[in-house]
Amino acid sequence: MPATPHAQHTVAALGTFATVLVADPSALAPARDLLAAELAAIDAACSRFRPDSELSVACAAGGRPVPVSPLFAEALSVALEAARLTDGDVDPTCGQALAGLGYDRDFAAARQDTSSLRQLPLPGGGWRGVLLDTARQEVTVPDGVLLDLGATAKALTADRAAARIAATVGCGALVNLGGDISVAGQPPEGGWLVGVADDATFDTTTATVEVRQVIVIVDGGLATSSVLGRAWQRGDERLHHIIDPRTGMPAQSCWRTVSVAAASCVDANIASTAAILRGARAIAWLERLRLPSRLTGTDGSVVTAAGWPAPGASA
């Protein structure tokens, strides 16, 4: 949660909130409009809940190639690269698993249904079968596969929006999409102050969130993945949106929340999501990658890696 910005604007978008901060208050109006354009474009390209989105059209094509926009091609390329970099832990073909677990519409509406699940989980793991032909600008999704680009597409939008805003308005910008943060341009003096929370739920607001630590960001991105933010109940099952592709069920992890800083929000998002899935193995992995990270266990204990400031410290 960014603190004491020079100027900011927040709206509801992509099933969460979208905030833009600019170092020069006079740049807020154009920054707001640029963010709105990026949000509308990614929703039209990648929404799993719009029948007219490019994602829905590609997934309904029965395994036939379909033409796509440069934005959708970029978003899919990022998602497939995430799968490759994480050996399939972060898998964009888990859409059917999420839908089968009840996350088949906007989350605010989906979580209202608490009836028992009626079908067995559907594993993912089909990302290698998704073909992206960049020369022809075509995508082929295997018949029966439902893509879910949610996490990486949101992080990509944060990176795109921050870069576009900074380049257009000529001052430092920070974009925060539900905890996926990207900064670009010249930051304000002292950098952007960001408060880190580790127990925020879907209903938590910036007014009610309990900040556990304050850090400073001057470039790159920060992403937080959590099993608490999008959690719901179906019958006796307590579920969340970070799916283990091997089982089609929510990941069983020793971590409830992981925050990672990286060169981009996309990189940070990939690492934070994979860390939840990798559990205790994530610490050594993040150290090898030299990605500063803060991992909060299910018992509330905190572990830091790769130079993240120790609990209680600010940096």
C-alpha atoms as a PDB file:
ATOM      1  CA  MET A   1       0.000   0.000   0.000  1.00  0.00           C
ATOM      2  CA  PRO A   2       1.832   3.163  -1.124  1.00  0.00           C
ATOM      3  CA  ALA A   3       2.021   5.857   1.548  1.00  0.00           C
ATOM      4  CA  THR A   4       2.069   9.678   1.323  1.00  0.00           C
ATOM      5  CA  PRO A   5       1.970  10.006  -2.478  1.00  0.00           C
ATOM      6  CA  HIS A   6       2.272  13.344  -4.226  1.00  0.00           C
ATOM      7  CA  ALA A   7      -1.026  12.708  -6.026  1.00  0.00           C
ATOM      8  CA  GLN A   8      -3.105   9.584  -6.514  1.00  0.00           C
ATOM      9  CA  HIS A   9      -6.296   8.192  -8.000  1.00  0.00           C
ATOM     10  CA  THR A  10      -7.969   4.841  -7.268  1.00  0.00           C
ATOM     11  CA  VAL A  11     -10.734   2.986  -9.122  1.00  0.00           C
ATOM     12  CA  ALA A  12     -12.194  -0.511  -9.088  1.00  0.00           C
ATOM     13  CA  ALA A  13     -10.876  -2.593 -11.993  1.00  0.00           C
ATOM     14  CA  LEU A  14     -10.037  -6.175 -12.973  1.00  0.00           C
ATOM     15  CA  GLY A  15     -11.881  -7.513  -9.941  1.00  0.00           C
ATOM     16  CA  THR A  16      -9.645  -5.530  -7.592  1.00  0.00           C
ATOM     17  CA  PHE A  17      -8.466  -1.926  -7.212  1.00  0.00           C
ATOM     18  CA  ALA A  18      -6.225   0.120  -9.473  1.00  0.00           C
ATOM     19  CA  THR A  19      -4.230   3.044  -8.125  1.00  0.00           C
ATOM     20  CA  VAL A  20      -1.961   5.446  -9.962  1.00  0.00           C
ATOM     21  CA  LEU A  21       0.428   7.797  -8.165  1.00  0.00           C
ATOM     22  CA  VAL A  22       2.438  10.543  -9.826  1.00  0.00           C
ATOM     23  CA  ALA A  23       5.305  12.625  -8.496  1.00  0.00           C
ATOM     24  CA  ASP A  24       3.858  15.776 -10.117  1.00  0.00           C
ATOM     25  CA  PRO A  25       0.246  16.454  -9.024  1.00  0.00           C
ATOM     26  CA  SER A  26      -0.472  18.324 -12.269  1.00  0.00           C
ATOM     27  CA  ALA A  27       0.058  15.076 -14.174  1.00  0.00           C
ATOM     28  CA  LEU A  28      -2.661  13.152 -12.345  1.00  0.00           C
ATOM     29  CA  ALA A  29      -5.485  13.732 -14.846  1.00  0.00           C
ATOM     30  CA  PRO A  30      -3.629  12.433 -17.933  1.00  0.00           C
ATOM     31  CA  ALA A  31      -2.118   9.611 -15.850  1.00  0.00           C
ATOM     32  CA  ARG A  32      -5.596   8.547 -14.773  1.00  0.00           C
ATOM     33  CA  ASP A  33      -6.799   8.476 -18.376  1.00  0.00           C
ATOM     34  CA  LEU A  34      -3.786   6.480 -19.541  1.00  0.00           C
ATOM     35  CA  LEU A  35      -4.315   3.914 -16.784  1.00  0.00           C
ATOM     36  CA  ALA A  36      -8.003   3.626 -17.696  1.00  0.00           C
ATOM     37  CA  ALA A  37      -7.073   2.911 -21.318  1.00  0.00           C
ATOM     38  CA  GLU A  38      -4.612   0.169 -20.330  1.00  0.00           C
ATOM     39  CA  LEU A  39      -7.145  -1.433 -17.983  1.00  0.00           C
ATOM     40  CA  ALA A  40      -9.874  -1.443 -20.630  1.00  0.00           C
ATOM     41  CA  ALA A  41      -7.525  -2.932 -23.216  1.00  0.00           C
ATOM     42  CA  ILE A  42      -6.301  -5.802 -21.026  1.00  0.00           C
ATOM     43  CA  ASP A  43      -9.847  -6.619 -19.931  1.00  0.00           C
ATOM     44  CA  ALA A  44     -11.017  -6.838 -23.549  1.00  0.00           C
ATOM     45  CA  ALA A  45      -8.047  -9.022 -24.403  1.00  0.00           C
ATOM     46  CA  CYS A  46      -7.665 -11.339 -21.424  1.00  0.00           C
ATOM     47  CA  SER A  47     -10.848 -11.530 -19.347  1.00  0.00           C
ATOM     48  CA  ARG A  48     -11.965 -15.077 -18.553  1.00  0.00           C
ATOM     49  CA  PHE A  49     -15.459 -13.778 -17.778  1.00  0.00           C
ATOM     50  CA  ARG A  50     -16.260 -11.912 -21.018  1.00  0.00           C
ATOM     51  CA  PRO A  51     -17.520 -14.056 -23.904  1.00  0.00           C
ATOM     52  CA  ASP A  52     -16.263 -11.416 -26.334  1.00  0.00           C
ATOM     53  CA  SER A  53     -12.709 -11.252 -24.978  1.00  0.00           C
ATOM     54  CA  GLU A  54      -9.877 -12.493 -27.163  1.00  0.00           C
ATOM     55  CA  LEU A  55      -9.101 -15.140 -24.550  1.00  0.00           C
ATOM     56  CA  SER A  56     -12.652 -16.496 -24.629  1.00  0.00           C
ATOM     57  CA  VAL A  57     -12.739 -16.522 -28.421  1.00  0.00           C
ATOM     58  CA  ALA A  58      -9.415 -18.380 -28.632  1.00  0.00           C
ATOM     59  CA  CYS A  59     -10.473 -20.949 -26.029  1.00  0.00           C
ATOM     60  CA  ALA A  60     -13.803 -21.557 -27.797  1.00  0.00           C
ATOM     61  CA  ALA A  61     -12.224 -22.135 -31.212  1.00  0.00           C
ATOM     62  CA  GLY A  62     -12.032 -25.919 -30.798  1.00  0.00           C
ATOM     63  CA  GLY A  63      -8.285 -26.118 -31.284  1.00  0.00           C
ATOM     64  CA  ARG A  64      -8.243 -23.963 -34.409  1.00  0.00           C
ATOM     65  CA  PRO A  65      -5.849 -20.996 -34.775  1.00  0.00           C
ATOM     66  CA  VAL A  66      -7.401 -17.565 -34.300  1.00  0.00           C
ATOM     67  CA  PRO A  67      -5.964 -14.114 -35.027  1.00  0.00           C
ATOM     68  CA  VAL A  68      -5.184 -12.016 -31.960  1.00  0.00           C
ATOM     69  CA  SER A  69      -4.084  -8.499 -31.144  1.00  0.00           C
ATOM     70  CA  PRO A  70      -0.495  -7.592 -30.278  1.00  0.00           C
ATOM     71  CA  LEU A  71      -1.609  -7.016 -26.660  1.00  0.00           C
ATOM     72  CA  PHE A  72      -3.121 -10.476 -26.272  1.00  0.00           C
ATOM     73  CA  ALA A  73      -0.081 -12.022 -27.941  1.00  0.00           C
ATOM     74  CA  GLU A  74       2.165 -10.188 -25.469  1.00  0.00           C
ATOM     75  CA  ALA A  75       0.064 -11.254 -22.483  1.00  0.00           C
ATOM     76  CA  LEU A  76       0.026 -14.881 -23.605  1.00  0.00           C
ATOM     77  CA  SER A  77       3.765 -14.810 -24.323  1.00  0.00           C
ATOM     78  CA  VAL A  78       4.388 -13.572 -20.772  1.00  0.00           C
ATOM     79  CA  ALA A  79       2.173 -16.316 -19.315  1.00  0.00           C
ATOM     80  CA  LEU A  80       3.895 -19.064 -21.321  1.00  0.00           C
ATOM     81  CA  GLU A  81       7.302 -17.717 -20.344  1.00  0.00           C
ATOM     82  CA  ALA A  82       6.194 -17.798 -16.701  1.00  0.00           C
ATOM     83  CA  ALA A  83       5.355 -21.480 -17.120  1.00  0.00           C
ATOM     84  CA  ARG A  84       8.709 -22.172 -18.737  1.00  0.00           C
ATOM     85  CA  LEU A  85      10.707 -20.295 -16.102  1.00  0.00           C
ATOM     86  CA  THR A  86       8.947 -22.084 -13.236  1.00  0.00           C
ATOM     87  CA  ASP A  87       8.901 -25.574 -14.770  1.00  0.00           C
ATOM     88  CA  GLY A  88       5.135 -25.378 -15.066  1.00  0.00           C
ATOM     89  CA  ASP A  89       4.379 -24.222 -11.522  1.00  0.00           C
ATOM     90  CA  VAL A  90       2.803 -21.003 -12.810  1.00  0.00           C
ATOM     91  CA  ASP A  91       0.551 -22.510 -15.487  1.00  0.00           C
ATOM     92  CA  PRO A  92      -1.880 -20.475 -17.627  1.00  0.00           C
ATOM     93  CA  THR A  93      -3.949 -23.577 -18.472  1.00  0.00           C
ATOM     94  CA  CYS A  94      -5.576 -23.828 -15.017  1.00  0.00           C
ATOM     95  CA  GLY A  95      -8.721 -21.973 -16.078  1.00  0.00           C
ATOM     96  CA  GLN A  96     -10.900 -25.101 -16.057  1.00  0.00           C
ATOM     97  CA  ALA A  97      -9.665 -25.957 -12.577  1.00  0.00           C
ATOM     98  CA  LEU A  98     -10.635 -22.520 -11.281  1.00  0.00           C
ATOM     99  CA  ALA A  99     -14.022 -22.664 -12.996  1.00  0.00           C
ATOM    100  CA  GLY A 100     -14.696 -26.122 -11.594  1.00  0.00           C
ATOM    101  CA  LEU A 101     -13.883 -24.873  -8.108  1.00  0.00           C
ATOM    102  CA  GLY A 102     -16.489 -22.144  -8.460  1.00  0.00           C
ATOM    103  CA  TYR A 103     -14.344 -19.255  -9.641  1.00  0.00           C
ATOM    104  CA  ASP A 104     -16.234 -19.072 -12.934  1.00  0.00           C
ATOM    105  CA  ARG A 105     -17.345 -15.443 -12.824  1.00  0.00           C
ATOM    106  CA  ASP A 106     -16.214 -12.175 -11.261  1.00  0.00           C
ATOM    107  CA  PHE A 107     -14.861 -13.087  -7.836  1.00  0.00           C
ATOM    108  CA  ALA A 108     -17.203 -10.842  -5.867  1.00  0.00           C
ATOM    109  CA  ALA A 109     -20.132 -12.788  -7.323  1.00  0.00           C
ATOM    110  CA  ALA A 110     -18.472 -16.223  -7.385  1.00  0.00           C
ATOM    111  CA  ARG A 111     -17.760 -16.310  -3.677  1.00  0.00           C
ATOM    112  CA  GLN A 112     -21.438 -15.826  -2.856  1.00  0.00           C
ATOM    113  CA  ASP A 113     -22.106 -19.425  -3.932  1.00  0.00           C
ATOM    114  CA  THR A 114     -21.154 -21.702  -1.033  1.00  0.00           C
ATOM    115  CA  SER A 115     -22.805 -24.881  -2.332  1.00  0.00           C
ATOM    116  CA  SER A 116     -20.806 -28.120  -2.463  1.00  0.00           C
ATOM    117  CA  LEU A 117     -18.600 -28.791  -5.463  1.00  0.00           C
ATOM    118  CA  ARG A 118     -20.054 -31.163  -8.053  1.00  0.00           C
ATOM    119  CA  GLN A 119     -17.020 -32.271 -10.038  1.00  0.00           C
ATOM    120  CA  LEU A 120     -13.524 -33.577  -9.518  1.00  0.00           C
ATOM    121  CA  PRO A 121     -10.617 -31.151  -9.880  1.00  0.00           C
ATOM    122  CA  LEU A 122      -9.174 -30.727 -13.363  1.00  0.00           C
ATOM    123  CA  PRO A 123      -5.362 -30.581 -13.452  1.00  0.00           C
ATOM    124  CA  GLY A 124      -3.600 -28.058 -15.650  1.00  0.00           C
ATOM    125  CA  GLY A 125      -0.249 -28.778 -17.179  1.00  0.00           C
ATOM    126  CA  GLY A 126      -1.249 -28.148 -20.789  1.00  0.00           C
ATOM    127  CA  TRP A 127       0.746 -24.980 -21.383  1.00  0.00           C
ATOM    128  CA  ARG A 128       3.131 -26.616 -23.872  1.00  0.00           C
ATOM    129  CA  GLY A 129       0.158 -27.341 -26.130  1.00  0.00           C
ATOM    130  CA  VAL A 130      -0.767 -23.654 -26.428  1.00  0.00           C
ATOM    131  CA  LEU A 131       0.762 -22.320 -29.627  1.00  0.00           C
ATOM    132  CA  LEU A 132       1.570 -18.680 -30.231  1.00  0.00           C
ATOM    133  CA  ASP A 133       2.582 -17.862 -33.807  1.00  0.00           C
ATOM    134  CA  THR A 134       4.031 -14.371 -33.551  1.00  0.00           C
ATOM    135  CA  ALA A 135       4.746 -14.149 -37.279  1.00  0.00           C
ATOM    136  CA  ARG A 136       1.098 -14.745 -38.183  1.00  0.00           C
ATOM    137  CA  GLN A 137      -0.234 -13.152 -34.996  1.00  0.00           C
ATOM    138  CA  GLU A 138      -2.262 -16.308 -34.300  1.00  0.00           C
ATOM    139  CA  VAL A 139      -2.978 -18.374 -31.190  1.00  0.00           C
ATOM    140  CA  THR A 140      -4.041 -22.005 -31.018  1.00  0.00           C
ATOM    141  CA  VAL A 141      -5.515 -23.257 -27.746  1.00  0.00           C
ATOM    142  CA  PRO A 142      -6.105 -27.036 -27.510  1.00  0.00           C
ATOM    143  CA  ASP A 143      -9.779 -27.996 -27.499  1.00  0.00           C
ATOM    144  CA  GLY A 144     -11.073 -28.187 -23.928  1.00  0.00           C
ATOM    145  CA  VAL A 145      -8.361 -25.962 -22.443  1.00  0.00           C
ATOM    146  CA  LEU A 146      -9.417 -22.768 -20.681  1.00  0.00           C
ATOM    147  CA  LEU A 147      -6.696 -20.198 -20.213  1.00  0.00           C
ATOM    148  CA  ASP A 148      -6.391 -18.067 -17.111  1.00  0.00           C
ATOM    149  CA  LEU A 149      -3.863 -15.263 -17.518  1.00  0.00           C
ATOM    150  CA  GLY A 150      -5.081 -13.402 -14.453  1.00  0.00           C
ATOM    151  CA  ALA A 151      -1.946 -12.928 -12.386  1.00  0.00           C
ATOM    152  CA  THR A 152       0.641 -12.326 -15.087  1.00  0.00           C
ATOM    153  CA  ALA A 153      -1.702 -10.183 -17.187  1.00  0.00           C
ATOM    154  CA  LYS A 154      -2.366  -7.925 -14.207  1.00  0.00           C
ATOM    155  CA  ALA A 155       1.353  -7.563 -13.537  1.00  0.00           C
ATOM    156  CA  LEU A 156       1.995  -6.875 -17.219  1.00  0.00           C
ATOM    157  CA  THR A 157      -0.657  -4.159 -17.161  1.00  0.00           C
ATOM    158  CA  ALA A 158       1.018  -2.525 -14.166  1.00  0.00           C
ATOM    159  CA  ASP A 159       4.355  -2.492 -16.005  1.00  0.00           C
ATOM    160  CA  ARG A 160       2.832  -1.215 -19.253  1.00  0.00           C
ATOM    161  CA  ALA A 161       0.773   1.479 -17.563  1.00  0.00           C
ATOM    162  CA  ALA A 162       3.583   2.786 -15.357  1.00  0.00           C
ATOM    163  CA  ALA A 163       5.990   2.985 -18.305  1.00  0.00           C
ATOM    164  CA  ARG A 164       3.440   4.650 -20.567  1.00  0.00           C
ATOM    165  CA  ILE A 165       2.396   7.176 -17.932  1.00  0.00           C
ATOM    166  CA  ALA A 166       5.967   8.130 -17.020  1.00  0.00           C
ATOM    167  CA  ALA A 167       6.944   8.525 -20.679  1.00  0.00           C
ATOM    168  CA  THR A 168       3.849  10.595 -21.498  1.00  0.00           C
ATOM    169  CA  VAL A 169       3.569  12.927 -18.509  1.00  0.00           C
ATOM    170  CA  GLY A 170       7.296  13.240 -17.871  1.00  0.00           C
ATOM    171  CA  CYS A 171       7.414  12.435 -14.173  1.00  0.00           C
ATOM    172  CA  GLY A 172       7.686   9.442 -11.887  1.00  0.00           C
ATOM    173  CA  ALA A 173       4.681   7.126 -11.744  1.00  0.00           C
ATOM    174  CA  LEU A 174       3.606   4.185  -9.620  1.00  0.00           C
ATOM    175  CA  VAL A 175       0.791   1.837 -10.618  1.00  0.00           C
ATOM    176  CA  ASN A 176      -0.689  -0.568  -8.079  1.00  0.00           C
ATOM    177  CA  LEU A 177      -3.129  -3.211  -9.324  1.00  0.00           C
ATOM    178  CA  GLY A 178      -4.330  -5.081  -6.274  1.00  0.00           C
ATOM    179  CA  GLY A 179      -0.827  -5.421  -4.852  1.00  0.00           C
ATOM    180  CA  ASP A 180       1.020  -5.760  -8.156  1.00  0.00           C
ATOM    181  CA  ILE A 181       3.154  -2.618  -8.211  1.00  0.00           C
ATOM    182  CA  SER A 182       5.304  -1.121 -10.956  1.00  0.00           C
ATOM    183  CA  VAL A 183       7.212   2.149 -10.934  1.00  0.00           C
ATOM    184  CA  ALA A 184       8.748   4.097 -13.803  1.00  0.00           C
ATOM    185  CA  GLY A 185      10.339   7.479 -14.392  1.00  0.00           C
ATOM    186  CA  GLN A 186      12.005   9.708 -11.826  1.00  0.00           C
ATOM    187  CA  PRO A 187      10.612   8.845  -8.393  1.00  0.00           C
ATOM    188  CA  PRO A 188       9.835  11.506  -5.803  1.00  0.00           C
ATOM    189  CA  GLU A 189      12.643  12.511  -3.468  1.00  0.00           C
ATOM    190  CA  GLY A 190      13.361   9.578  -1.192  1.00  0.00           C
ATOM    191  CA  GLY A 191      11.561   7.110  -3.459  1.00  0.00           C
ATOM    192  CA  TRP A 192       8.077   5.635  -3.224  1.00  0.00           C
ATOM    193  CA  LEU A 193       7.110   4.470   0.258  1.00  0.00           C
ATOM    194  CA  VAL A 194       5.222   1.181   0.110  1.00  0.00           C
ATOM    195  CA  GLY A 195       3.562  -0.512   3.034  1.00  0.00           C
ATOM    196  CA  VAL A 196       3.631  -4.321   2.970  1.00  0.00           C
ATOM    197  CA  ALA A 197       0.755  -6.349   4.436  1.00  0.00           C
ATOM    198  CA  ASP A 198       0.662 -10.120   4.815  1.00  0.00           C
ATOM    199  CA  ASP A 199      -2.882 -10.899   5.997  1.00  0.00           C
ATOM    200  CA  ALA A 200      -5.064  -8.840   3.665  1.00  0.00           C
ATOM    201  CA  THR A 201      -8.288 -10.486   2.492  1.00  0.00           C
ATOM    202  CA  PHE A 202     -10.537  -9.640  -0.437  1.00  0.00           C
ATOM    203  CA  ASP A 203     -12.542  -7.321   1.808  1.00  0.00           C
ATOM    204  CA  THR A 204      -9.522  -5.495   3.195  1.00  0.00           C
ATOM    205  CA  THR A 205      -9.274  -1.876   2.094  1.00  0.00           C
ATOM    206  CA  THR A 206      -6.439   0.629   2.199  1.00  0.00           C
ATOM    207  CA  ALA A 207      -8.180   2.088   5.256  1.00  0.00           C
ATOM    208  CA  THR A 208      -8.316  -1.212   7.145  1.00  0.00           C
ATOM    209  CA  VAL A 209      -5.129  -2.982   6.037  1.00  0.00           C
ATOM    210  CA  GLU A 210      -2.526  -3.562   8.728  1.00  0.00           C
ATOM    211  CA  VAL A 211       0.858  -2.545   7.361  1.00  0.00           C
ATOM    212  CA  ARG A 212       3.587  -4.860   8.651  1.00  0.00           C
ATOM    213  CA  GLN A 213       6.599  -3.143   7.110  1.00  0.00           C
ATOM    214  CA  VAL A 214       7.415  -0.065   5.042  1.00  0.00           C
ATOM    215  CA  ILE A 215       9.939  -0.275   2.228  1.00  0.00           C
ATOM    216  CA  VAL A 216      11.165   2.141  -0.431  1.00  0.00           C
ATOM    217  CA  ILE A 217      10.946   1.506  -4.181  1.00  0.00           C
ATOM    218  CA  VAL A 218      12.751   3.606  -6.772  1.00  0.00           C
ATOM    219  CA  ASP A 219      12.448   1.354  -9.837  1.00  0.00           C
ATOM    220  CA  GLY A 220      11.227  -2.036 -11.012  1.00  0.00           C
ATOM    221  CA  GLY A 221       8.302  -3.858  -9.481  1.00  0.00           C
ATOM    222  CA  LEU A 222       6.914  -5.477  -6.363  1.00  0.00           C
ATOM    223  CA  ALA A 223       4.298  -8.211  -6.276  1.00  0.00           C
ATOM    224  CA  THR A 224       2.475  -9.981  -3.482  1.00  0.00           C
ATOM    225  CA  SER A 225       0.812 -13.383  -3.850  1.00  0.00           C
ATOM    226  CA  SER A 226      -1.452 -14.681  -1.116  1.00  0.00           C
ATOM    227  CA  VAL A 227      -3.816 -17.551  -0.388  1.00  0.00           C
ATOM    228  CA  LEU A 228      -5.963 -15.084   1.591  1.00  0.00           C
ATOM    229  CA  GLY A 229      -6.860 -12.453  -0.990  1.00  0.00           C
ATOM    230  CA  ARG A 230      -9.110 -14.597  -3.170  1.00  0.00           C
ATOM    231  CA  ALA A 231     -10.382 -17.326  -0.881  1.00  0.00           C
ATOM    232  CA  TRP A 232     -13.872 -18.793  -0.818  1.00  0.00           C
ATOM    233  CA  GLN A 233     -15.930 -21.606   0.647  1.00  0.00           C
ATOM    234  CA  ARG A 234     -17.654 -24.383  -1.287  1.00  0.00           C
ATOM    235  CA  GLY A 235     -19.372 -26.874   0.978  1.00  0.00           C
ATOM    236  CA  ASP A 236     -16.727 -28.064   3.439  1.00  0.00           C
ATOM    237  CA  GLU A 237     -13.871 -26.970   1.184  1.00  0.00           C
ATOM    238  CA  ARG A 238     -11.911 -23.802   1.898  1.00  0.00           C
ATOM    239  CA  LEU A 239     -10.416 -22.760  -1.442  1.00  0.00           C
ATOM    240  CA  HIS A 240      -8.114 -20.134  -2.918  1.00  0.00           C
ATOM    241  CA  HIS A 241      -7.044 -19.089  -6.410  1.00  0.00           C
ATOM    242  CA  ILE A 242      -3.416 -20.248  -6.543  1.00  0.00           C
ATOM    243  CA  ILE A 243      -3.809 -23.602  -8.260  1.00  0.00           C
ATOM    244  CA  ASP A 244      -1.367 -26.495  -8.203  1.00  0.00           C
ATOM    245  CA  PRO A 245      -1.386 -27.583 -11.874  1.00  0.00           C
ATOM    246  CA  ARG A 246      -0.595 -31.176 -10.899  1.00  0.00           C
ATOM    247  CA  THR A 247      -3.814 -31.594  -8.914  1.00  0.00           C
ATOM    248  CA  GLY A 248      -6.144 -28.847 -10.109  1.00  0.00           C
ATOM    249  CA  MET A 249      -6.681 -27.942  -6.465  1.00  0.00           C
ATOM    250  CA  PRO A 250      -5.513 -24.898  -4.486  1.00  0.00           C
ATOM    251  CA  ALA A 251      -1.859 -25.195  -3.544  1.00  0.00           C
ATOM    252  CA  GLN A 252      -1.107 -26.601  -0.109  1.00  0.00           C
ATOM    253  CA  SER A 253       1.651 -24.270   1.043  1.00  0.00           C
ATOM    254  CA  CYS A 254       3.514 -23.367   4.200  1.00  0.00           C
ATOM    255  CA  TRP A 255       3.205 -19.724   3.102  1.00  0.00           C
ATOM    256  CA  ARG A 256       0.105 -17.581   3.316  1.00  0.00           C
ATOM    257  CA  THR A 257       1.688 -14.543   1.639  1.00  0.00           C
ATOM    258  CA  VAL A 258       4.847 -13.888  -0.354  1.00  0.00           C
ATOM    259  CA  SER A 259       6.121 -10.491  -1.523  1.00  0.00           C
ATOM    260  CA  VAL A 260       8.960 -10.222  -4.044  1.00  0.00           C
ATOM    261  CA  ALA A 261      10.855  -7.270  -5.516  1.00  0.00           C
ATOM    262  CA  ALA A 262      12.290  -7.604  -9.020  1.00  0.00           C
ATOM    263  CA  ALA A 263      13.294  -5.704 -12.141  1.00  0.00           C
ATOM    264  CA  SER A 264       9.654  -5.669 -13.284  1.00  0.00           C
ATOM    265  CA  CYS A 265       6.268  -6.368 -11.801  1.00  0.00           C
ATOM    266  CA  VAL A 266       5.928  -9.360 -14.148  1.00  0.00           C
ATOM    267  CA  ASP A 267       9.153 -10.884 -12.807  1.00  0.00           C
ATOM    268  CA  ALA A 268       8.080 -10.228  -9.229  1.00  0.00           C
ATOM    269  CA  ASN A 269       4.641 -11.727  -9.810  1.00  0.00           C
ATOM    270  CA  ILE A 270       6.003 -14.901 -11.381  1.00  0.00           C
ATOM    271  CA  ALA A 271       8.379 -15.405  -8.464  1.00  0.00           C
ATOM    272  CA  SER A 272       5.860 -14.657  -5.711  1.00  0.00           C
ATOM    273  CA  THR A 273       3.276 -17.022  -7.196  1.00  0.00           C
ATOM    274  CA  ALA A 274       5.829 -19.798  -7.740  1.00  0.00           C
ATOM    275  CA  ALA A 275       7.072 -19.341  -4.173  1.00  0.00           C
ATOM    276  CA  ILE A 276       3.623 -20.123  -2.789  1.00  0.00           C
ATOM    277  CA  LEU A 277       3.552 -23.306  -4.872  1.00  0.00           C
ATOM    278  CA  ARG A 278       7.096 -24.344  -3.998  1.00  0.00           C
ATOM    279  CA  GLY A 279       6.633 -23.992  -0.260  1.00  0.00           C
ATOM    280  CA  ALA A 280       9.783 -24.399   1.847  1.00  0.00           C
ATOM    281  CA  ARG A 281      11.890 -24.951  -1.294  1.00  0.00           C
ATOM    282  CA  ALA A 282      11.141 -21.385  -2.356  1.00  0.00           C
ATOM    283  CA  ILE A 283      13.649 -19.784   0.014  1.00  0.00           C
ATOM    284  CA  ALA A 284      16.734 -21.322  -1.606  1.00  0.00           C
ATOM    285  CA  TRP A 285      15.245 -20.717  -5.069  1.00  0.00           C
ATOM    286  CA  LEU A 286      14.678 -17.008  -4.391  1.00  0.00           C
ATOM    287  CA  GLU A 287      18.171 -16.711  -2.916  1.00  0.00           C
ATOM    288  CA  ARG A 288      19.678 -18.217  -6.069  1.00  0.00           C
ATOM    289  CA  LEU A 289      17.749 -15.744  -8.197  1.00  0.00           C
ATOM    290  CA  ARG A 290      18.763 -12.875  -5.886  1.00  0.00           C
ATOM    291  CA  LEU A 291      15.177 -11.684  -5.606  1.00  0.00           C
ATOM    292  CA  PRO A 292      14.529  -9.832  -2.329  1.00  0.00           C
ATOM    293  CA  SER A 293      11.519 -11.542  -0.753  1.00  0.00           C
ATOM    294  CA  ARG A 294       9.349 -11.565   2.340  1.00  0.00           C
ATOM    295  CA  LEU A 295       7.555 -14.849   3.072  1.00  0.00           C
ATOM    296  CA  THR A 296       4.886 -15.133   5.751  1.00  0.00           C
ATOM    297  CA  GLY A 297       4.033 -18.581   7.029  1.00  0.00           C
ATOM    298  CA  THR A 298       0.558 -19.841   7.798  1.00  0.00           C
ATOM    299  CA  ASP A 299       1.404 -19.315  11.489  1.00  0.00           C
ATOM    300  CA  GLY A 300       2.314 -15.651  10.886  1.00  0.00           C
ATOM    301  CA  SER A 301       6.086 -16.141  11.149  1.00  0.00           C
ATOM    302  CA  VAL A 302       8.170 -14.150   8.676  1.00  0.00           C
ATOM    303  CA  VAL A 303      11.229 -15.235   6.698  1.00  0.00           C
ATOM    304  CA  THR A 304      13.195 -12.902   4.441  1.00  0.00           C
ATOM    305  CA  ALA A 305      15.477 -13.808   1.548  1.00  0.00           C
ATOM    306  CA  ALA A 306      18.046 -12.222  -0.784  1.00  0.00           C
ATOM    307  CA  GLY A 307      18.457  -8.951   1.065  1.00  0.00           C
ATOM    308  CA  TRP A 308      14.881  -8.052   1.934  1.00  0.00           C
ATOM    309  CA  PRO A 309      14.993  -5.922   5.111  1.00  0.00           C
ATOM    310  CA  ALA A 310      14.556  -7.936   8.297  1.00  0.00           C
ATOM    311  CA  PRO A 311      11.114  -7.839  10.031  1.00  0.00           C
ATOM    312  CA  GLY A 312      10.664  -4.570  11.865  1.00  0.00           C
ATOM    313  CA  ALA A 313      13.178  -2.770   9.661  1.00  0.00           C
ATOM    314  CA  SER A 314      12.541  -0.296   6.875  1.00  0.00           C
ATOM    315  CA  ALA A 315      14.654   0.118   3.765  1.00  0.00           C
END
